[in-house]
Each structure stands twice: as C-alpha cells, then as structure tokens.
Amino acid sequence: MQVWQTAFAPHALTVAQVLLTHDDLRVRTRYLGVRETLRQIIGYGAIPIINENDTVSAAEIKFGDNDTLSALVASLVEAEHLIILSTAPGLIDLKGTGEIVPVVEKITPAIEAMAGGTTSETATGGMISKITAAKLATRAGCGVFIASGSEPAIVARLLGGTGPGTFFVPSGLPLDAKKHWLAYFQRPEGTVFVNARAVPVLRERGSSLLAVGVTHARGEFNPGDIVNIAGPDATVLARGKTNFSSKEIPALAGLQAVALRALHPSRKRLEVVHRNDLVLL
C-alpha cells in the first residue's frame, strides 16, 4: 500500500485499501454494502486498491485469480473500462497470424481456443482466466483491454487507441443488476435438472421454473440457496434462487400445480425458481 501511495502522490491522489473475499460479493446484502463503499471511496476522489483478503480466505470463498476479481469489481461499480495488465501483450493468434488480435467483437469458441495457460512463475492466471474475465465484464457493459504492463505509458496509449493490446467490445445491453449478481457472483449449492419440454419454456418465454418441468436434483441445498438449472444433457442453461430444498425436489418433480398445492397447502409460492430470481446463462 505504501508503494501504491508513493506512485499516486505526485498526482495528489490518495489510495484506499479494500480487502474482499468471494463471500462479500456472493451474499446480496454484503454485495450491496461493498458496492456502496466503493462508490463512496470514488466519490471522495480516492483510488480503491482492491485485493483478496488472504487472512480469512479459505479455498471455498476465494475468487481463484485476480482476473476474476477485477472483472467482478468492474461490473460491480459499473465501470466503462477494465484494463488487465500482465506479462501478456494481448490475445495472440497462435494458430493463425501469430500476431496480437487488436479487437474482439464477440468472444466465440474460436477466440477461446486462442487462449493458453500462463508460463510465468509469478502469475496465477493465464490467458484462459483473462478471457473468462473479459466475458464476465463485457456482459456487464464494460469494455476490456488486455495488454503488457511493461509497455511505457500503456494506460494512456490504450485509452487513446494507440496502445498495443487487445480490446474486447462490450456485448449488448448489460443485465439487470440483480440478475447480473445471480449470474456471475454466485457459487451454486447444487443443480436442478429439467426435462426437454421445460428448456424452450425457460429460454424463450422467460417463464418461472415450475415443478412440472423438474426431473431431479444434485447436491444439497436449502430454500433461498442459489442453484444451477440444467437440461437433460446436463448443460447449464440458467441459475436462480430456489424456493425448495434438495430434499423436497424428489417428491415434487413432475407434479402439476394442483398436486403440488395439495403437497404444500401452506406455501404462498409454488414456483421452484421464480422468474424474478432466475437468469439465463
């Protein structure tokens, strides 16, 4: 932190240390608290320096790598740009021209195939993690640069359109804030599987997940937990907050509304996952 403050001091800027774990962003109330804190810090004119809180971080609540952390924070504060600087000069087309790809309009399987693991002993994430971070951030409406941190005045050059590196174009309109939180800030507790008829209903109609479309579940979860929703081929197509536990799923799977009401007469909500708490992936 002293090094950061020394670097920003000539510009009359103050830095502020912020330490996070994934749980700080996974729990909705804490997520909103972190967002407000960062907005206040920026509002004061200070620069938040964000790192993983290693003193309390166990494996199950770690972000995994700084690329993921940076993308989550960028989407959290609705940043216009995310600049990822490392030893990588950008996305290189190793199977084609061998040159840096200057602009990526859309992250396709072909683009993902260009990514390779890191060879640096000091890096924790290679190009694969950077592409993953770019997918997350661009979906939130944030443009992403990947470039080498050893290039002189690289930030100014990137923002001026002259820097060497790769720019990932934001993809369409960003998700609603709550649904973006559901899609990207969670580690699901389990999976609810649906039949083939339910897949187009969820994908094309924006409907809630009803018991009649459910076949079975995997994992252990409670009402209010976040779960993946997968089709018959195990492809995850959505994510959402379940109203039922994993223990209740076998009894309700495939039931019509009348039978489900008879099974749970005191429940107000009979959707397995309500559409307001469901996001397509």
C-alpha atoms as a PDB file:
ATOM      1  CA  MET A   1       0.000   0.000   0.000  1.00  0.00           C
ATOM      2  CA  GLN A   2       2.935   2.321   0.668  1.00  0.00           C
ATOM      3  CA  VAL A   3       4.209   1.663  -2.859  1.00  0.00           C
ATOM      4  CA  TRP A   4       0.786   2.474  -4.316  1.00  0.00           C
ATOM      5  CA  GLN A   5       0.520   5.684  -2.293  1.00  0.00           C
ATOM      6  CA  THR A   6       4.035   6.731  -3.352  1.00  0.00           C
ATOM      7  CA  ALA A   7       3.047   6.181  -7.001  1.00  0.00           C
ATOM      8  CA  PHE A   8      -0.164   8.218  -6.758  1.00  0.00           C
ATOM      9  CA  ALA A   9       1.220  11.015  -4.529  1.00  0.00           C
ATOM     10  CA  PRO A  10       2.674  13.093  -7.424  1.00  0.00           C
ATOM     11  CA  HIS A  11      -0.870  13.293  -8.816  1.00  0.00           C
ATOM     12  CA  ALA A  12      -2.268  14.477  -5.448  1.00  0.00           C
ATOM     13  CA  LEU A  13      -4.345  11.300  -5.184  1.00  0.00           C
ATOM     14  CA  THR A  14      -4.982   9.221  -2.072  1.00  0.00           C
ATOM     15  CA  VAL A  15      -5.343   5.450  -2.191  1.00  0.00           C
ATOM     16  CA  ALA A  16      -7.606   3.300  -0.045  1.00  0.00           C
ATOM     17  CA  GLN A  17      -7.054  -0.380   0.703  1.00  0.00           C
ATOM     18  CA  VAL A  18     -10.067  -2.683   0.220  1.00  0.00           C
ATOM     19  CA  LEU A  19      -9.828  -6.404   1.055  1.00  0.00           C
ATOM     20  CA  LEU A  20     -12.525  -8.777  -0.195  1.00  0.00           C
ATOM     21  CA  THR A  21     -13.490 -12.438  -0.161  1.00  0.00           C
ATOM     22  CA  HIS A  22     -15.922 -14.035  -2.606  1.00  0.00           C
ATOM     23  CA  ASP A  23     -18.498 -14.265   0.195  1.00  0.00           C
ATOM     24  CA  ASP A  24     -18.506 -10.458   0.382  1.00  0.00           C
ATOM     25  CA  LEU A  25     -19.975 -10.426  -3.129  1.00  0.00           C
ATOM     26  CA  ARG A  26     -21.993 -13.648  -3.017  1.00  0.00           C
ATOM     27  CA  VAL A  27     -24.309 -12.549  -0.167  1.00  0.00           C
ATOM     28  CA  ARG A  28     -26.703  -9.922  -1.556  1.00  0.00           C
ATOM     29  CA  THR A  29     -26.661  -7.552   1.444  1.00  0.00           C
ATOM     30  CA  ARG A  30     -22.858  -7.619   1.635  1.00  0.00           C
ATOM     31  CA  TYR A  31     -22.620  -7.194  -2.149  1.00  0.00           C
ATOM     32  CA  LEU A  32     -24.703  -4.017  -1.925  1.00  0.00           C
ATOM     33  CA  GLY A  33     -22.583  -2.826   1.003  1.00  0.00           C
ATOM     34  CA  VAL A  34     -19.335  -3.332  -0.921  1.00  0.00           C
ATOM     35  CA  ARG A  35     -20.784  -1.503  -3.926  1.00  0.00           C
ATOM     36  CA  GLU A  36     -21.802   1.484  -1.797  1.00  0.00           C
ATOM     37  CA  THR A  37     -18.398   1.544  -0.057  1.00  0.00           C
ATOM     38  CA  LEU A  38     -16.553   1.617  -3.388  1.00  0.00           C
ATOM     39  CA  ARG A  39     -18.841   4.352  -4.676  1.00  0.00           C
ATOM     40  CA  GLN A  40     -18.168   6.425  -1.560  1.00  0.00           C
ATOM     41  CA  ILE A  41     -14.388   5.959  -1.876  1.00  0.00           C
ATOM     42  CA  ILE A  42     -14.519   7.047  -5.522  1.00  0.00           C
ATOM     43  CA  GLY A  43     -16.819   9.907  -4.551  1.00  0.00           C
ATOM     44  CA  TYR A  44     -14.155  11.137  -2.129  1.00  0.00           C
ATOM     45  CA  GLY A  45     -11.708  11.250  -5.030  1.00  0.00           C
ATOM     46  CA  ALA A  46      -9.640   8.376  -3.626  1.00  0.00           C
ATOM     47  CA  ILE A  47      -8.433   5.342  -5.587  1.00  0.00           C
ATOM     48  CA  PRO A  48      -9.506   1.955  -4.167  1.00  0.00           C
ATOM     49  CA  ILE A  49      -6.715  -0.645  -4.266  1.00  0.00           C
ATOM     50  CA  ILE A  50      -8.503  -3.987  -4.102  1.00  0.00           C
ATOM     51  CA  ASN A  51      -7.053  -7.339  -3.137  1.00  0.00           C
ATOM     52  CA  GLU A  52      -8.199 -10.706  -1.875  1.00  0.00           C
ATOM     53  CA  ASN A  53      -8.431 -10.875   1.906  1.00  0.00           C
ATOM     54  CA  ASP A  54      -5.953 -13.725   2.356  1.00  0.00           C
ATOM     55  CA  THR A  55      -6.089 -13.590   6.152  1.00  0.00           C
ATOM     56  CA  VAL A  56      -9.613 -15.064   6.200  1.00  0.00           C
ATOM     57  CA  SER A  57      -9.834 -16.615   2.716  1.00  0.00           C
ATOM     58  CA  ALA A  58     -10.403 -20.365   2.705  1.00  0.00           C
ATOM     59  CA  ALA A  59     -10.426 -22.284  -0.577  1.00  0.00           C
ATOM     60  CA  GLU A  60     -14.221 -22.304  -0.819  1.00  0.00           C
ATOM     61  CA  ILE A  61     -14.515 -18.498  -0.600  1.00  0.00           C
ATOM     62  CA  LYS A  62     -11.525 -17.495  -2.736  1.00  0.00           C
ATOM     63  CA  PHE A  63     -12.002 -15.723  -6.061  1.00  0.00           C
ATOM     64  CA  GLY A  64      -9.497 -18.023  -7.730  1.00  0.00           C
ATOM     65  CA  ASP A  65      -7.460 -15.366  -9.509  1.00  0.00           C
ATOM     66  CA  ASN A  66      -7.114 -11.593  -9.781  1.00  0.00           C
ATOM     67  CA  ASP A  67      -8.540 -11.556 -13.313  1.00  0.00           C
ATOM     68  CA  THR A  68     -11.875 -12.813 -11.988  1.00  0.00           C
ATOM     69  CA  LEU A  69     -11.731 -10.394  -9.055  1.00  0.00           C
ATOM     70  CA  SER A  70     -11.065  -7.453 -11.389  1.00  0.00           C
ATOM     71  CA  ALA A  71     -13.999  -8.351 -13.654  1.00  0.00           C
ATOM     72  CA  LEU A  72     -16.384  -8.737 -10.716  1.00  0.00           C
ATOM     73  CA  VAL A  73     -15.335  -5.375  -9.288  1.00  0.00           C
ATOM     74  CA  ALA A  74     -15.578  -3.673 -12.696  1.00  0.00           C
ATOM     75  CA  SER A  75     -19.151  -4.901 -13.129  1.00  0.00           C
ATOM     76  CA  LEU A  76     -19.970  -4.100  -9.507  1.00  0.00           C
ATOM     77  CA  VAL A  77     -19.112  -0.393  -9.902  1.00  0.00           C
ATOM     78  CA  GLU A  78     -20.418  -0.254 -13.496  1.00  0.00           C
ATOM     79  CA  ALA A  79     -17.011   0.701 -14.862  1.00  0.00           C
ATOM     80  CA  GLU A  80     -16.691   1.754 -18.505  1.00  0.00           C
ATOM     81  CA  HIS A  81     -13.331   0.019 -18.930  1.00  0.00           C
ATOM     82  CA  LEU A  82     -11.329  -2.776 -17.350  1.00  0.00           C
ATOM     83  CA  ILE A  83      -7.606  -2.856 -18.140  1.00  0.00           C
ATOM     84  CA  ILE A  84      -5.832  -6.130 -17.351  1.00  0.00           C
ATOM     85  CA  LEU A  85      -2.058  -5.655 -17.354  1.00  0.00           C
ATOM     86  CA  SER A  86       0.343  -8.597 -17.025  1.00  0.00           C
ATOM     87  CA  THR A  87       3.211 -10.218 -18.919  1.00  0.00           C
ATOM     88  CA  ALA A  88       0.782 -10.992 -21.784  1.00  0.00           C
ATOM     89  CA  PRO A  89       0.866  -8.367 -24.586  1.00  0.00           C
ATOM     90  CA  GLY A  90      -2.702  -9.225 -25.554  1.00  0.00           C
ATOM     91  CA  LEU A  91      -4.577 -12.108 -27.157  1.00  0.00           C
ATOM     92  CA  ILE A  92      -2.212 -13.685 -29.685  1.00  0.00           C
ATOM     93  CA  ASP A  93      -3.486 -15.677 -32.655  1.00  0.00           C
ATOM     94  CA  LEU A  94      -1.015 -18.515 -32.165  1.00  0.00           C
ATOM     95  CA  LYS A  95      -2.788 -20.800 -34.636  1.00  0.00           C
ATOM     96  CA  GLY A  96      -3.058 -18.160 -37.351  1.00  0.00           C
ATOM     97  CA  THR A  97      -1.136 -14.940 -37.912  1.00  0.00           C
ATOM     98  CA  GLY A  98       0.892 -15.182 -34.712  1.00  0.00           C
ATOM     99  CA  GLU A  99       0.100 -11.519 -34.069  1.00  0.00           C
ATOM    100  CA  ILE A 100      -1.908  -9.740 -31.367  1.00  0.00           C
ATOM    101  CA  VAL A 101      -5.643  -9.622 -32.096  1.00  0.00           C
ATOM    102  CA  PRO A 102      -6.405  -5.876 -31.789  1.00  0.00           C
ATOM    103  CA  VAL A 103     -10.196  -6.068 -31.359  1.00  0.00           C
ATOM    104  CA  VAL A 104     -12.542  -8.884 -30.317  1.00  0.00           C
ATOM    105  CA  GLU A 105     -16.139  -8.059 -31.196  1.00  0.00           C
ATOM    106  CA  LYS A 106     -17.521 -11.235 -29.611  1.00  0.00           C
ATOM    107  CA  ILE A 107     -15.936 -13.996 -27.532  1.00  0.00           C
ATOM    108  CA  THR A 108     -16.586 -17.096 -29.631  1.00  0.00           C
ATOM    109  CA  PRO A 109     -15.258 -20.660 -29.208  1.00  0.00           C
ATOM    110  CA  ALA A 110     -12.593 -19.756 -31.803  1.00  0.00           C
ATOM    111  CA  ILE A 111     -11.455 -16.834 -29.647  1.00  0.00           C
ATOM    112  CA  GLU A 112     -11.410 -19.031 -26.541  1.00  0.00           C
ATOM    113  CA  ALA A 113      -9.313 -21.594 -28.403  1.00  0.00           C
ATOM    114  CA  MET A 114      -6.583 -18.965 -28.822  1.00  0.00           C
ATOM    115  CA  ALA A 115      -6.136 -18.755 -25.032  1.00  0.00           C
ATOM    116  CA  GLY A 116      -3.383 -20.773 -23.369  1.00  0.00           C
ATOM    117  CA  GLY A 117      -2.145 -21.209 -19.810  1.00  0.00           C
ATOM    118  CA  THR A 118       0.480 -18.991 -18.249  1.00  0.00           C
ATOM    119  CA  THR A 119       4.186 -19.798 -18.320  1.00  0.00           C
ATOM    120  CA  SER A 120       5.107 -17.126 -15.796  1.00  0.00           C
ATOM    121  CA  GLU A 121       6.108 -18.272 -12.313  1.00  0.00           C
ATOM    122  CA  THR A 122       4.676 -15.090 -10.780  1.00  0.00           C
ATOM    123  CA  ALA A 123       1.272 -15.276 -12.493  1.00  0.00           C
ATOM    124  CA  THR A 124      -1.762 -17.099 -11.070  1.00  0.00           C
ATOM    125  CA  GLY A 125      -3.936 -16.858 -14.159  1.00  0.00           C
ATOM    126  CA  GLY A 126      -3.104 -17.234 -17.829  1.00  0.00           C
ATOM    127  CA  MET A 127      -4.938 -16.055 -20.920  1.00  0.00           C
ATOM    128  CA  ILE A 128      -7.767 -18.504 -20.198  1.00  0.00           C
ATOM    129  CA  SER A 129      -8.643 -16.680 -16.973  1.00  0.00           C
ATOM    130  CA  LYS A 130      -8.352 -13.323 -18.758  1.00  0.00           C
ATOM    131  CA  ILE A 131     -10.799 -14.427 -21.464  1.00  0.00           C
ATOM    132  CA  THR A 132     -13.172 -15.635 -18.744  1.00  0.00           C
ATOM    133  CA  ALA A 133     -12.874 -12.266 -17.009  1.00  0.00           C
ATOM    134  CA  ALA A 134     -13.491 -10.466 -20.311  1.00  0.00           C
ATOM    135  CA  LYS A 135     -16.676 -12.495 -20.882  1.00  0.00           C
ATOM    136  CA  LEU A 136     -17.976 -11.501 -17.467  1.00  0.00           C
ATOM    137  CA  ALA A 137     -17.087  -7.808 -17.746  1.00  0.00           C
ATOM    138  CA  THR A 138     -18.272  -7.286 -21.327  1.00  0.00           C
ATOM    139  CA  ARG A 139     -21.638  -8.835 -20.425  1.00  0.00           C
ATOM    140  CA  ALA A 140     -21.907  -6.071 -17.809  1.00  0.00           C
ATOM    141  CA  GLY A 141     -21.346  -3.406 -20.477  1.00  0.00           C
ATOM    142  CA  CYS A 142     -17.661  -2.899 -19.653  1.00  0.00           C
ATOM    143  CA  GLY A 143     -15.006  -2.751 -22.380  1.00  0.00           C
ATOM    144  CA  VAL A 144     -11.891  -4.811 -21.579  1.00  0.00           C
ATOM    145  CA  PHE A 145      -8.264  -4.235 -22.541  1.00  0.00           C
ATOM    146  CA  ILE A 146      -5.564  -6.913 -22.181  1.00  0.00           C
ATOM    147  CA  ALA A 147      -2.027  -5.612 -22.547  1.00  0.00           C
ATOM    148  CA  SER A 148       1.531  -5.802 -21.218  1.00  0.00           C
ATOM    149  CA  GLY A 149       2.296  -3.849 -18.067  1.00  0.00           C
ATOM    150  CA  SER A 150       5.893  -3.305 -19.217  1.00  0.00           C
ATOM    151  CA  GLU A 151       4.852  -1.076 -22.127  1.00  0.00           C
ATOM    152  CA  PRO A 152       5.595   2.627 -21.441  1.00  0.00           C
ATOM    153  CA  ALA A 153       2.526   4.787 -20.673  1.00  0.00           C
ATOM    154  CA  ILE A 154       0.353   1.836 -21.601  1.00  0.00           C
ATOM    155  CA  VAL A 155      -2.876   3.025 -19.937  1.00  0.00           C
ATOM    156  CA  ALA A 156      -2.893   6.379 -21.734  1.00  0.00           C
ATOM    157  CA  ARG A 157      -1.992   4.695 -25.014  1.00  0.00           C
ATOM    158  CA  LEU A 158      -4.776   2.127 -24.686  1.00  0.00           C
ATOM    159  CA  LEU A 159      -7.410   4.747 -23.910  1.00  0.00           C
ATOM    160  CA  GLY A 160      -6.063   6.876 -26.775  1.00  0.00           C
ATOM    161  CA  GLY A 161      -6.421   3.995 -29.217  1.00  0.00           C
ATOM    162  CA  THR A 162      -2.700   3.649 -29.943  1.00  0.00           C
ATOM    163  CA  GLY A 163      -1.530   1.109 -27.382  1.00  0.00           C
ATOM    164  CA  PRO A 164      -0.580  -2.458 -28.285  1.00  0.00           C
ATOM    165  CA  GLY A 165      -3.037  -4.927 -26.826  1.00  0.00           C
ATOM    166  CA  THR A 166      -6.478  -6.455 -27.319  1.00  0.00           C
ATOM    167  CA  PHE A 167      -9.788  -4.685 -26.778  1.00  0.00           C
ATOM    168  CA  PHE A 168     -12.940  -6.701 -26.058  1.00  0.00           C
ATOM    169  CA  VAL A 169     -16.091  -4.873 -27.114  1.00  0.00           C
ATOM    170  CA  PRO A 170     -18.995  -4.778 -24.599  1.00  0.00           C
ATOM    171  CA  SER A 171     -21.711  -7.230 -25.649  1.00  0.00           C
ATOM    172  CA  GLY A 172     -25.127  -5.632 -25.961  1.00  0.00           C
ATOM    173  CA  LEU A 173     -27.176  -4.240 -23.119  1.00  0.00           C
ATOM    174  CA  PRO A 174     -25.970  -5.194 -19.634  1.00  0.00           C
ATOM    175  CA  LEU A 175     -28.117  -7.454 -17.484  1.00  0.00           C
ATOM    176  CA  ASP A 176     -30.379  -6.088 -14.785  1.00  0.00           C
ATOM    177  CA  ALA A 177     -28.194  -5.576 -11.671  1.00  0.00           C
ATOM    178  CA  LYS A 178     -29.882  -8.297  -9.622  1.00  0.00           C
ATOM    179  CA  LYS A 179     -29.727 -10.835 -12.455  1.00  0.00           C
ATOM    180  CA  HIS A 180     -26.092  -9.978 -13.132  1.00  0.00           C
ATOM    181  CA  TRP A 181     -25.408 -10.697  -9.445  1.00  0.00           C
ATOM    182  CA  LEU A 182     -27.234 -14.031  -9.769  1.00  0.00           C
ATOM    183  CA  ALA A 183     -25.340 -14.973 -12.930  1.00  0.00           C
ATOM    184  CA  TYR A 184     -21.775 -14.090 -12.014  1.00  0.00           C
ATOM    185  CA  PHE A 185     -21.315 -13.525  -8.294  1.00  0.00           C
ATOM    186  CA  GLN A 186     -22.533 -16.919  -7.098  1.00  0.00           C
ATOM    187  CA  ARG A 187     -21.177 -20.360  -6.407  1.00  0.00           C
ATOM    188  CA  PRO A 188     -24.280 -22.561  -6.734  1.00  0.00           C
ATOM    189  CA  GLU A 189     -25.001 -25.059  -3.985  1.00  0.00           C
ATOM    190  CA  GLY A 190     -26.440 -27.650  -6.366  1.00  0.00           C
ATOM    191  CA  THR A 191     -28.256 -28.293  -9.650  1.00  0.00           C
ATOM    192  CA  VAL A 192     -31.925 -28.730 -10.534  1.00  0.00           C
ATOM    193  CA  PHE A 193     -32.449 -30.744 -13.726  1.00  0.00           C
ATOM    194  CA  VAL A 194     -35.374 -30.124 -16.072  1.00  0.00           C
ATOM    195  CA  ASN A 195     -36.969 -32.141 -18.876  1.00  0.00           C
ATOM    196  CA  ALA A 196     -36.672 -31.319 -22.588  1.00  0.00           C
ATOM    197  CA  ARG A 197     -40.059 -29.563 -22.679  1.00  0.00           C
ATOM    198  CA  ALA A 198     -39.005 -27.112 -19.976  1.00  0.00           C
ATOM    199  CA  VAL A 199     -35.851 -25.944 -21.791  1.00  0.00           C
ATOM    200  CA  PRO A 200     -37.559 -23.807 -24.508  1.00  0.00           C
ATOM    201  CA  VAL A 201     -40.112 -22.566 -21.976  1.00  0.00           C
ATOM    202  CA  LEU A 202     -37.317 -21.140 -19.841  1.00  0.00           C
ATOM    203  CA  ARG A 203     -35.158 -19.917 -22.728  1.00  0.00           C
ATOM    204  CA  GLU A 204     -37.778 -18.389 -25.000  1.00  0.00           C
ATOM    205  CA  ARG A 205     -40.707 -17.402 -22.790  1.00  0.00           C
ATOM    206  CA  GLY A 206     -38.898 -16.067 -19.730  1.00  0.00           C
ATOM    207  CA  SER A 207     -41.067 -18.242 -17.506  1.00  0.00           C
ATOM    208  CA  SER A 208     -40.558 -19.374 -13.936  1.00  0.00           C
ATOM    209  CA  LEU A 209     -39.305 -22.911 -13.322  1.00  0.00           C
ATOM    210  CA  LEU A 210     -42.319 -24.978 -12.274  1.00  0.00           C
ATOM    211  CA  ALA A 211     -42.372 -28.390 -10.629  1.00  0.00           C
ATOM    212  CA  VAL A 212     -43.887 -29.999 -13.733  1.00  0.00           C
ATOM    213  CA  GLY A 213     -40.647 -29.361 -15.635  1.00  0.00           C
ATOM    214  CA  VAL A 214     -38.311 -30.679 -12.932  1.00  0.00           C
ATOM    215  CA  THR A 215     -36.870 -34.205 -13.085  1.00  0.00           C
ATOM    216  CA  HIS A 216     -34.353 -34.417 -10.227  1.00  0.00           C
ATOM    217  CA  ALA A 217     -31.637 -32.534  -8.326  1.00  0.00           C
ATOM    218  CA  ARG A 218     -27.983 -32.945  -7.470  1.00  0.00           C
ATOM    219  CA  GLY A 219     -26.175 -31.583  -4.413  1.00  0.00           C
ATOM    220  CA  GLU A 220     -27.513 -30.393  -1.085  1.00  0.00           C
ATOM    221  CA  PHE A 221     -29.279 -27.034  -0.872  1.00  0.00           C
ATOM    222  CA  ASN A 222     -31.923 -25.211   1.161  1.00  0.00           C
ATOM    223  CA  PRO A 223     -34.717 -22.788   0.214  1.00  0.00           C
ATOM    224  CA  GLY A 224     -33.122 -19.454  -0.673  1.00  0.00           C
ATOM    225  CA  ASP A 225     -29.885 -21.004  -1.952  1.00  0.00           C
ATOM    226  CA  ILE A 226     -28.583 -20.343  -5.460  1.00  0.00           C
ATOM    227  CA  VAL A 227     -28.722 -23.339  -7.823  1.00  0.00           C
ATOM    228  CA  ASN A 228     -27.870 -24.092 -11.428  1.00  0.00           C
ATOM    229  CA  ILE A 229     -30.663 -25.212 -13.748  1.00  0.00           C
ATOM    230  CA  ALA A 230     -29.609 -27.823 -16.289  1.00  0.00           C
ATOM    231  CA  GLY A 231     -31.280 -29.598 -19.202  1.00  0.00           C
ATOM    232  CA  PRO A 232     -31.475 -33.361 -19.769  1.00  0.00           C
ATOM    233  CA  ASP A 233     -27.962 -33.359 -21.270  1.00  0.00           C
ATOM    234  CA  ALA A 234     -26.592 -31.652 -18.107  1.00  0.00           C
ATOM    235  CA  THR A 235     -25.923 -28.380 -19.972  1.00  0.00           C
ATOM    236  CA  VAL A 236     -26.435 -25.494 -17.526  1.00  0.00           C
ATOM    237  CA  LEU A 237     -28.899 -23.056 -19.053  1.00  0.00           C
ATOM    238  CA  ALA A 238     -29.875 -20.861 -16.106  1.00  0.00           C
ATOM    239  CA  ARG A 239     -29.220 -20.008 -12.497  1.00  0.00           C
ATOM    240  CA  GLY A 240     -31.563 -18.877  -9.774  1.00  0.00           C
ATOM    241  CA  LYS A 241     -32.717 -18.811  -6.163  1.00  0.00           C
ATOM    242  CA  THR A 242     -34.660 -21.938  -5.269  1.00  0.00           C
ATOM    243  CA  ASN A 243     -37.819 -21.948  -3.159  1.00  0.00           C
ATOM    244  CA  PHE A 244     -37.414 -25.625  -2.278  1.00  0.00           C
ATOM    245  CA  SER A 245     -34.674 -27.730  -0.719  1.00  0.00           C
ATOM    246  CA  SER A 246     -32.881 -30.621  -2.400  1.00  0.00           C
ATOM    247  CA  LYS A 247     -34.724 -32.983  -0.045  1.00  0.00           C
ATOM    248  CA  GLU A 248     -38.100 -31.710  -1.319  1.00  0.00           C
ATOM    249  CA  ILE A 249     -37.292 -31.989  -5.036  1.00  0.00           C
ATOM    250  CA  PRO A 250     -37.881 -35.778  -5.472  1.00  0.00           C
ATOM    251  CA  ALA A 251     -41.449 -35.521  -4.164  1.00  0.00           C
ATOM    252  CA  LEU A 252     -42.403 -32.516  -6.297  1.00  0.00           C
ATOM    253  CA  ALA A 253     -40.617 -33.412  -9.549  1.00  0.00           C
ATOM    254  CA  GLY A 254     -43.085 -33.573 -12.450  1.00  0.00           C
ATOM    255  CA  LEU A 255     -46.145 -32.509 -10.429  1.00  0.00           C
ATOM    256  CA  GLN A 256     -48.870 -30.284 -11.865  1.00  0.00           C
ATOM    257  CA  ALA A 257     -49.916 -27.206  -9.882  1.00  0.00           C
ATOM    258  CA  VAL A 258     -52.963 -28.858  -8.263  1.00  0.00           C
ATOM    259  CA  ALA A 259     -50.956 -31.814  -6.968  1.00  0.00           C
ATOM    260  CA  LEU A 260     -48.185 -29.533  -5.762  1.00  0.00           C
ATOM    261  CA  ARG A 261     -50.695 -27.347  -3.875  1.00  0.00           C
ATOM    262  CA  ALA A 262     -52.042 -30.449  -2.150  1.00  0.00           C
ATOM    263  CA  LEU A 263     -48.491 -31.425  -1.174  1.00  0.00           C
ATOM    264  CA  HIS A 264     -47.662 -27.919   0.149  1.00  0.00           C
ATOM    265  CA  PRO A 265     -51.023 -26.324   1.134  1.00  0.00           C
ATOM    266  CA  SER A 266     -49.454 -23.622   3.330  1.00  0.00           C
ATOM    267  CA  ARG A 267     -46.922 -22.309   0.798  1.00  0.00           C
ATOM    268  CA  LYS A 268     -47.604 -18.975  -0.889  1.00  0.00           C
ATOM    269  CA  ARG A 269     -45.068 -19.501  -3.713  1.00  0.00           C
ATOM    270  CA  LEU A 270     -45.074 -22.801  -5.582  1.00  0.00           C
ATOM    271  CA  GLU A 271     -42.532 -21.941  -8.293  1.00  0.00           C
ATOM    272  CA  VAL A 272     -39.348 -23.932  -7.848  1.00  0.00           C
ATOM    273  CA  VAL A 273     -37.485 -20.837  -9.092  1.00  0.00           C
ATOM    274  CA  HIS A 274     -39.457 -17.649  -9.754  1.00  0.00           C
ATOM    275  CA  ARG A 275     -38.614 -15.804 -12.971  1.00  0.00           C
ATOM    276  CA  ASN A 276     -37.654 -12.680 -10.995  1.00  0.00           C
ATOM    277  CA  ASP A 277     -34.959 -14.779  -9.298  1.00  0.00           C
ATOM    278  CA  LEU A 278     -33.822 -16.586 -12.447  1.00  0.00           C
ATOM    279  CA  VAL A 279     -31.259 -15.594 -15.064  1.00  0.00           C
ATOM    280  CA  LEU A 280     -30.465 -17.369 -18.334  1.00  0.00           C
ATOM    281  CA  LEU A 281     -26.818 -18.220 -18.942  1.00  0.00           C
END
